[in-house]
């Protein structure tokens, strides 16, 4: 039987611009334990499908992984912002595109063992090209790749970013089901 932990005490260890860290003392099946939890406001992930049957992808250096990551556009939710608005904003800022169609696909907990972060994944289609509006500290390369090619890259272990794997796999399933036909020439 699953045991639901209850918080006995919670202490803030660190407060930052993007994350906070707290230490919770909790009840466990055999007494008490400590959980270190990263607080994060969450983010929006964009599966942006082009009329050519491609997806918009970005490459950017990510300090935690110490390398350039190949990923779908995404960004953190600003205070008071709805995830759908974050998705539309980040699509425009990171790729320059706007979407006439947006659909919520799912949400995911990328690191449920130690983080409260939730990522909301959206399909964006019927895209219109515009100008990017990168944050002052962003250096991003934008690329368009065939959805089938991206699917193969996920399955071959060439795309290592979890949010991108989920977005690509879900988009490939939508493509295969015919649900994206009206957006692709």
C-alpha atoms as a PDB file:
ATOM      1  CA  UNK A   1       0.000   0.000   0.000  1.00  0.00           C
ATOM      2  CA  UNK A   2       1.258   3.490  -0.882  1.00  0.00           C
ATOM      3  CA  UNK A   3       2.059   5.737   2.072  1.00  0.00           C
ATOM      4  CA  UNK A   4       1.307   9.447   1.750  1.00  0.00           C
ATOM      5  CA  UNK A   5       3.915  11.595   3.465  1.00  0.00           C
ATOM      6  CA  UNK A   6       2.802  14.559   5.587  1.00  0.00           C
ATOM      7  CA  UNK A   7       4.971  17.631   6.151  1.00  0.00           C
ATOM      8  CA  UNK A   8       5.898  18.196   9.792  1.00  0.00           C
ATOM      9  CA  UNK A   9       8.232  21.142   9.259  1.00  0.00           C
ATOM     10  CA  UNK A  10       9.446  23.172   6.274  1.00  0.00           C
ATOM     11  CA  UNK A  11      12.570  25.371   6.139  1.00  0.00           C
ATOM     12  CA  UNK A  12      13.614  27.648   3.264  1.00  0.00           C
ATOM     13  CA  UNK A  13      17.290  27.042   2.495  1.00  0.00           C
ATOM     14  CA  UNK A  14      17.767  29.246  -0.559  1.00  0.00           C
ATOM     15  CA  UNK A  15      15.718  31.839  -2.445  1.00  0.00           C
ATOM     16  CA  UNK A  16      16.724  32.755  -5.984  1.00  0.00           C
ATOM     17  CA  UNK A  17      15.380  34.395  -9.129  1.00  0.00           C
ATOM     18  CA  UNK A  18      14.379  31.137 -10.838  1.00  0.00           C
ATOM     19  CA  UNK A  19      14.353  28.526  -8.082  1.00  0.00           C
ATOM     20  CA  UNK A  20      13.998  28.253  -4.332  1.00  0.00           C
ATOM     21  CA  UNK A  21      15.176  25.334  -2.214  1.00  0.00           C
ATOM     22  CA  UNK A  22      13.461  24.088   0.904  1.00  0.00           C
ATOM     23  CA  UNK A  23      13.973  21.234   3.342  1.00  0.00           C
ATOM     24  CA  UNK A  24      10.818  19.444   4.505  1.00  0.00           C
ATOM     25  CA  UNK A  25      10.711  17.061   7.447  1.00  0.00           C
ATOM     26  CA  UNK A  26       8.040  14.489   6.606  1.00  0.00           C
ATOM     27  CA  UNK A  27       6.322  11.455   8.079  1.00  0.00           C
ATOM     28  CA  UNK A  28       7.297   8.158   6.461  1.00  0.00           C
ATOM     29  CA  UNK A  29       6.149   4.578   6.784  1.00  0.00           C
ATOM     30  CA  UNK A  30       8.902   3.969   9.335  1.00  0.00           C
ATOM     31  CA  UNK A  31       9.005   7.343  11.108  1.00  0.00           C
ATOM     32  CA  UNK A  32      10.407  10.590   9.681  1.00  0.00           C
ATOM     33  CA  UNK A  33      12.737  11.690   6.910  1.00  0.00           C
ATOM     34  CA  UNK A  34      13.966  14.848   5.196  1.00  0.00           C
ATOM     35  CA  UNK A  35      13.108  15.875   1.623  1.00  0.00           C
ATOM     36  CA  UNK A  36      15.048  18.578  -0.216  1.00  0.00           C
ATOM     37  CA  UNK A  37      12.695  20.186  -2.712  1.00  0.00           C
ATOM     38  CA  UNK A  38      13.368  22.605  -5.563  1.00  0.00           C
ATOM     39  CA  UNK A  39      10.544  25.116  -5.954  1.00  0.00           C
ATOM     40  CA  UNK A  40      10.094  26.296  -9.551  1.00  0.00           C
ATOM     41  CA  UNK A  41       7.166  28.179 -11.104  1.00  0.00           C
ATOM     42  CA  UNK A  42       7.102  25.839 -14.115  1.00  0.00           C
ATOM     43  CA  UNK A  43       7.380  26.375 -17.809  1.00  0.00           C
ATOM     44  CA  UNK A  44       5.736  26.036 -21.177  1.00  0.00           C
ATOM     45  CA  UNK A  45       7.032  23.808 -23.960  1.00  0.00           C
ATOM     46  CA  UNK A  46       6.190  24.361 -27.617  1.00  0.00           C
ATOM     47  CA  UNK A  47       5.817  21.750 -30.346  1.00  0.00           C
ATOM     48  CA  UNK A  48       5.699  24.217 -33.242  1.00  0.00           C
ATOM     49  CA  UNK A  49       4.616  22.466 -36.448  1.00  0.00           C
ATOM     50  CA  UNK A  50       5.348  24.142 -39.780  1.00  0.00           C
ATOM     51  CA  UNK A  51       3.312  23.824 -42.970  1.00  0.00           C
ATOM     52  CA  UNK A  52       6.215  21.763 -44.403  1.00  0.00           C
ATOM     53  CA  UNK A  53       5.666  18.997 -41.833  1.00  0.00           C
ATOM     54  CA  UNK A  54       8.582  20.115 -39.736  1.00  0.00           C
ATOM     55  CA  UNK A  55       9.042  21.256 -36.183  1.00  0.00           C
ATOM     56  CA  UNK A  56      10.918  24.309 -35.006  1.00  0.00           C
ATOM     57  CA  UNK A  57      13.906  23.399 -32.843  1.00  0.00           C
ATOM     58  CA  UNK A  58      16.518  25.487 -31.077  1.00  0.00           C
ATOM     59  CA  UNK A  59      20.114  24.983 -30.109  1.00  0.00           C
ATOM     60  CA  UNK A  60      21.488  26.772 -27.088  1.00  0.00           C
ATOM     61  CA  UNK A  61      24.218  26.276 -24.548  1.00  0.00           C
ATOM     62  CA  UNK A  62      22.903  24.957 -21.227  1.00  0.00           C
ATOM     63  CA  UNK A  63      25.213  25.417 -18.259  1.00  0.00           C
ATOM     64  CA  UNK A  64      23.896  22.483 -16.158  1.00  0.00           C
ATOM     65  CA  UNK A  65      24.666  20.015 -18.986  1.00  0.00           C
ATOM     66  CA  UNK A  66      27.843  21.873 -20.018  1.00  0.00           C
ATOM     67  CA  UNK A  67      26.916  21.576 -23.702  1.00  0.00           C
ATOM     68  CA  UNK A  68      24.766  22.907 -26.507  1.00  0.00           C
ATOM     69  CA  UNK A  69      21.359  21.234 -26.273  1.00  0.00           C
ATOM     70  CA  UNK A  70      19.055  20.535 -29.224  1.00  0.00           C
ATOM     71  CA  UNK A  71      15.532  21.161 -27.968  1.00  0.00           C
ATOM     72  CA  UNK A  72      12.051  22.474 -28.636  1.00  0.00           C
ATOM     73  CA  UNK A  73      11.377  26.114 -27.722  1.00  0.00           C
ATOM     74  CA  UNK A  74      10.381  26.565 -24.085  1.00  0.00           C
ATOM     75  CA  UNK A  75      10.530  29.014 -21.228  1.00  0.00           C
ATOM     76  CA  UNK A  76       9.624  29.697 -17.648  1.00  0.00           C
ATOM     77  CA  UNK A  77       6.235  30.982 -16.588  1.00  0.00           C
ATOM     78  CA  UNK A  78       6.347  34.562 -15.345  1.00  0.00           C
ATOM     79  CA  UNK A  79       4.463  35.459 -12.134  1.00  0.00           C
ATOM     80  CA  UNK A  80       0.736  35.796 -12.858  1.00  0.00           C
ATOM     81  CA  UNK A  81       1.095  34.372 -16.368  1.00  0.00           C
ATOM     82  CA  UNK A  82      -0.980  31.451 -17.645  1.00  0.00           C
ATOM     83  CA  UNK A  83       1.004  28.589 -19.245  1.00  0.00           C
ATOM     84  CA  UNK A  84      -0.741  29.074 -22.626  1.00  0.00           C
ATOM     85  CA  UNK A  85       0.365  32.718 -22.655  1.00  0.00           C
ATOM     86  CA  UNK A  86       3.906  31.649 -21.776  1.00  0.00           C
ATOM     87  CA  UNK A  87       3.891  29.229 -24.719  1.00  0.00           C
ATOM     88  CA  UNK A  88       2.795  31.924 -27.174  1.00  0.00           C
ATOM     89  CA  UNK A  89       5.268  34.439 -25.758  1.00  0.00           C
ATOM     90  CA  UNK A  90       8.204  32.024 -25.815  1.00  0.00           C
ATOM     91  CA  UNK A  91       7.371  30.883 -29.355  1.00  0.00           C
ATOM     92  CA  UNK A  92       7.545  34.494 -30.534  1.00  0.00           C
ATOM     93  CA  UNK A  93      10.612  35.430 -28.490  1.00  0.00           C
ATOM     94  CA  UNK A  94      12.705  32.356 -29.316  1.00  0.00           C
ATOM     95  CA  UNK A  95      11.662  31.677 -32.933  1.00  0.00           C
ATOM     96  CA  UNK A  96       9.975  34.841 -34.182  1.00  0.00           C
ATOM     97  CA  UNK A  97       6.838  32.872 -35.071  1.00  0.00           C
ATOM     98  CA  UNK A  98       3.282  33.420 -33.905  1.00  0.00           C
ATOM     99  CA  UNK A  99       0.647  30.670 -33.949  1.00  0.00           C
ATOM    100  CA  UNK A 100      -2.926  31.001 -35.128  1.00  0.00           C
ATOM    101  CA  UNK A 101      -3.657  27.609 -33.545  1.00  0.00           C
ATOM    102  CA  UNK A 102      -2.571  26.361 -30.123  1.00  0.00           C
ATOM    103  CA  UNK A 103      -3.619  23.190 -28.322  1.00  0.00           C
ATOM    104  CA  UNK A 104      -2.718  21.945 -24.850  1.00  0.00           C
ATOM    105  CA  UNK A 105      -1.211  18.450 -25.119  1.00  0.00           C
ATOM    106  CA  UNK A 106      -0.143  17.462 -21.607  1.00  0.00           C
ATOM    107  CA  UNK A 107       1.815  18.411 -18.550  1.00  0.00           C
ATOM    108  CA  UNK A 108       4.871  16.642 -17.185  1.00  0.00           C
ATOM    109  CA  UNK A 109       6.914  16.610 -13.996  1.00  0.00           C
ATOM    110  CA  UNK A 110      10.522  16.449 -15.289  1.00  0.00           C
ATOM    111  CA  UNK A 111      12.140  15.572 -11.928  1.00  0.00           C
ATOM    112  CA  UNK A 112       9.405  14.419  -9.561  1.00  0.00           C
ATOM    113  CA  UNK A 113      11.869  13.115  -6.956  1.00  0.00           C
ATOM    114  CA  UNK A 114      13.134  16.552  -5.918  1.00  0.00           C
ATOM    115  CA  UNK A 115      11.389  19.320  -7.885  1.00  0.00           C
ATOM    116  CA  UNK A 116       7.918  20.893  -7.979  1.00  0.00           C
ATOM    117  CA  UNK A 117       8.476  22.051 -11.569  1.00  0.00           C
ATOM    118  CA  UNK A 118       5.650  21.291 -13.995  1.00  0.00           C
ATOM    119  CA  UNK A 119       6.062  21.730 -17.752  1.00  0.00           C
ATOM    120  CA  UNK A 120       2.959  22.370 -19.877  1.00  0.00           C
ATOM    121  CA  UNK A 121       3.325  21.136 -23.451  1.00  0.00           C
ATOM    122  CA  UNK A 122       1.466  22.849 -26.294  1.00  0.00           C
ATOM    123  CA  UNK A 123       1.098  22.155 -29.988  1.00  0.00           C
ATOM    124  CA  UNK A 124       1.351  25.317 -32.065  1.00  0.00           C
ATOM    125  CA  UNK A 125       0.411  25.310 -35.747  1.00  0.00           C
ATOM    126  CA  UNK A 126      -0.677  27.617 -38.558  1.00  0.00           C
ATOM    127  CA  UNK A 127       2.482  29.605 -37.912  1.00  0.00           C
ATOM    128  CA  UNK A 128       3.332  33.086 -39.175  1.00  0.00           C
ATOM    129  CA  UNK A 129       6.971  34.154 -39.357  1.00  0.00           C
ATOM    130  CA  UNK A 130       8.074  37.335 -37.604  1.00  0.00           C
ATOM    131  CA  UNK A 131      11.032  38.675 -35.646  1.00  0.00           C
ATOM    132  CA  UNK A 132      12.701  37.066 -32.656  1.00  0.00           C
ATOM    133  CA  UNK A 133      12.937  38.882 -29.332  1.00  0.00           C
ATOM    134  CA  UNK A 134      15.634  37.021 -27.394  1.00  0.00           C
ATOM    135  CA  UNK A 135      16.296  37.777 -23.743  1.00  0.00           C
ATOM    136  CA  UNK A 136      19.474  39.847 -23.444  1.00  0.00           C
ATOM    137  CA  UNK A 137      21.491  36.844 -22.261  1.00  0.00           C
ATOM    138  CA  UNK A 138      20.157  34.300 -24.806  1.00  0.00           C
ATOM    139  CA  UNK A 139      22.113  32.995 -27.807  1.00  0.00           C
ATOM    140  CA  UNK A 140      19.819  30.682 -29.759  1.00  0.00           C
ATOM    141  CA  UNK A 141      20.050  29.033 -33.182  1.00  0.00           C
ATOM    142  CA  UNK A 142      16.683  28.217 -34.773  1.00  0.00           C
ATOM    143  CA  UNK A 143      16.267  25.208 -37.055  1.00  0.00           C
ATOM    144  CA  UNK A 144      13.395  23.402 -38.765  1.00  0.00           C
ATOM    145  CA  UNK A 145      13.524  19.604 -38.924  1.00  0.00           C
ATOM    146  CA  UNK A 146      11.189  16.956 -40.325  1.00  0.00           C
ATOM    147  CA  UNK A 147       9.052  15.395 -37.576  1.00  0.00           C
ATOM    148  CA  UNK A 148       9.956  11.892 -38.732  1.00  0.00           C
ATOM    149  CA  UNK A 149      13.659  12.750 -38.555  1.00  0.00           C
ATOM    150  CA  UNK A 150      13.215  14.132 -35.038  1.00  0.00           C
ATOM    151  CA  UNK A 151      11.331  11.000 -33.990  1.00  0.00           C
ATOM    152  CA  UNK A 152      14.238   8.858 -35.242  1.00  0.00           C
ATOM    153  CA  UNK A 153      16.690  11.087 -33.359  1.00  0.00           C
ATOM    154  CA  UNK A 154      14.721  10.576 -30.131  1.00  0.00           C
ATOM    155  CA  UNK A 155      14.592   6.811 -30.639  1.00  0.00           C
ATOM    156  CA  UNK A 156      18.348   6.704 -31.411  1.00  0.00           C
ATOM    157  CA  UNK A 157      19.223   8.664 -28.271  1.00  0.00           C
ATOM    158  CA  UNK A 158      20.390  11.729 -30.192  1.00  0.00           C
ATOM    159  CA  UNK A 159      17.924  14.108 -28.485  1.00  0.00           C
ATOM    160  CA  UNK A 160      18.647  14.012 -24.769  1.00  0.00           C
ATOM    161  CA  UNK A 161      16.325  16.748 -23.479  1.00  0.00           C
ATOM    162  CA  UNK A 162      13.277  15.169 -21.797  1.00  0.00           C
ATOM    163  CA  UNK A 163      10.734  17.875 -22.594  1.00  0.00           C
ATOM    164  CA  UNK A 164      11.754  17.741 -26.244  1.00  0.00           C
ATOM    165  CA  UNK A 165      11.452  13.949 -26.323  1.00  0.00           C
ATOM    166  CA  UNK A 166       7.878  14.137 -25.012  1.00  0.00           C
ATOM    167  CA  UNK A 167       6.896  16.963 -27.380  1.00  0.00           C
ATOM    168  CA  UNK A 168       8.356  15.169 -30.407  1.00  0.00           C
ATOM    169  CA  UNK A 169       6.827  11.779 -29.579  1.00  0.00           C
ATOM    170  CA  UNK A 170       3.384  13.310 -29.034  1.00  0.00           C
ATOM    171  CA  UNK A 171       3.626  15.380 -32.217  1.00  0.00           C
ATOM    172  CA  UNK A 172       4.677  12.326 -34.254  1.00  0.00           C
ATOM    173  CA  UNK A 173       1.639  10.437 -32.904  1.00  0.00           C
ATOM    174  CA  UNK A 174      -0.623  13.347 -33.904  1.00  0.00           C
ATOM    175  CA  UNK A 175       0.967  13.435 -37.363  1.00  0.00           C
ATOM    176  CA  UNK A 176       0.513   9.672 -37.819  1.00  0.00           C
ATOM    177  CA  UNK A 177      -3.140   9.898 -36.732  1.00  0.00           C
ATOM    178  CA  UNK A 178      -3.874  12.536 -39.382  1.00  0.00           C
ATOM    179  CA  UNK A 179      -4.749  15.236 -36.840  1.00  0.00           C
ATOM    180  CA  UNK A 180      -2.094  17.572 -38.265  1.00  0.00           C
ATOM    181  CA  UNK A 181      -3.098  17.177 -41.921  1.00  0.00           C
ATOM    182  CA  UNK A 182      -4.957  20.510 -42.008  1.00  0.00           C
ATOM    183  CA  UNK A 183      -1.766  22.356 -41.002  1.00  0.00           C
ATOM    184  CA  UNK A 184       0.637  20.661 -43.425  1.00  0.00           C
ATOM    185  CA  UNK A 185       0.767  21.189 -47.185  1.00  0.00           C
END
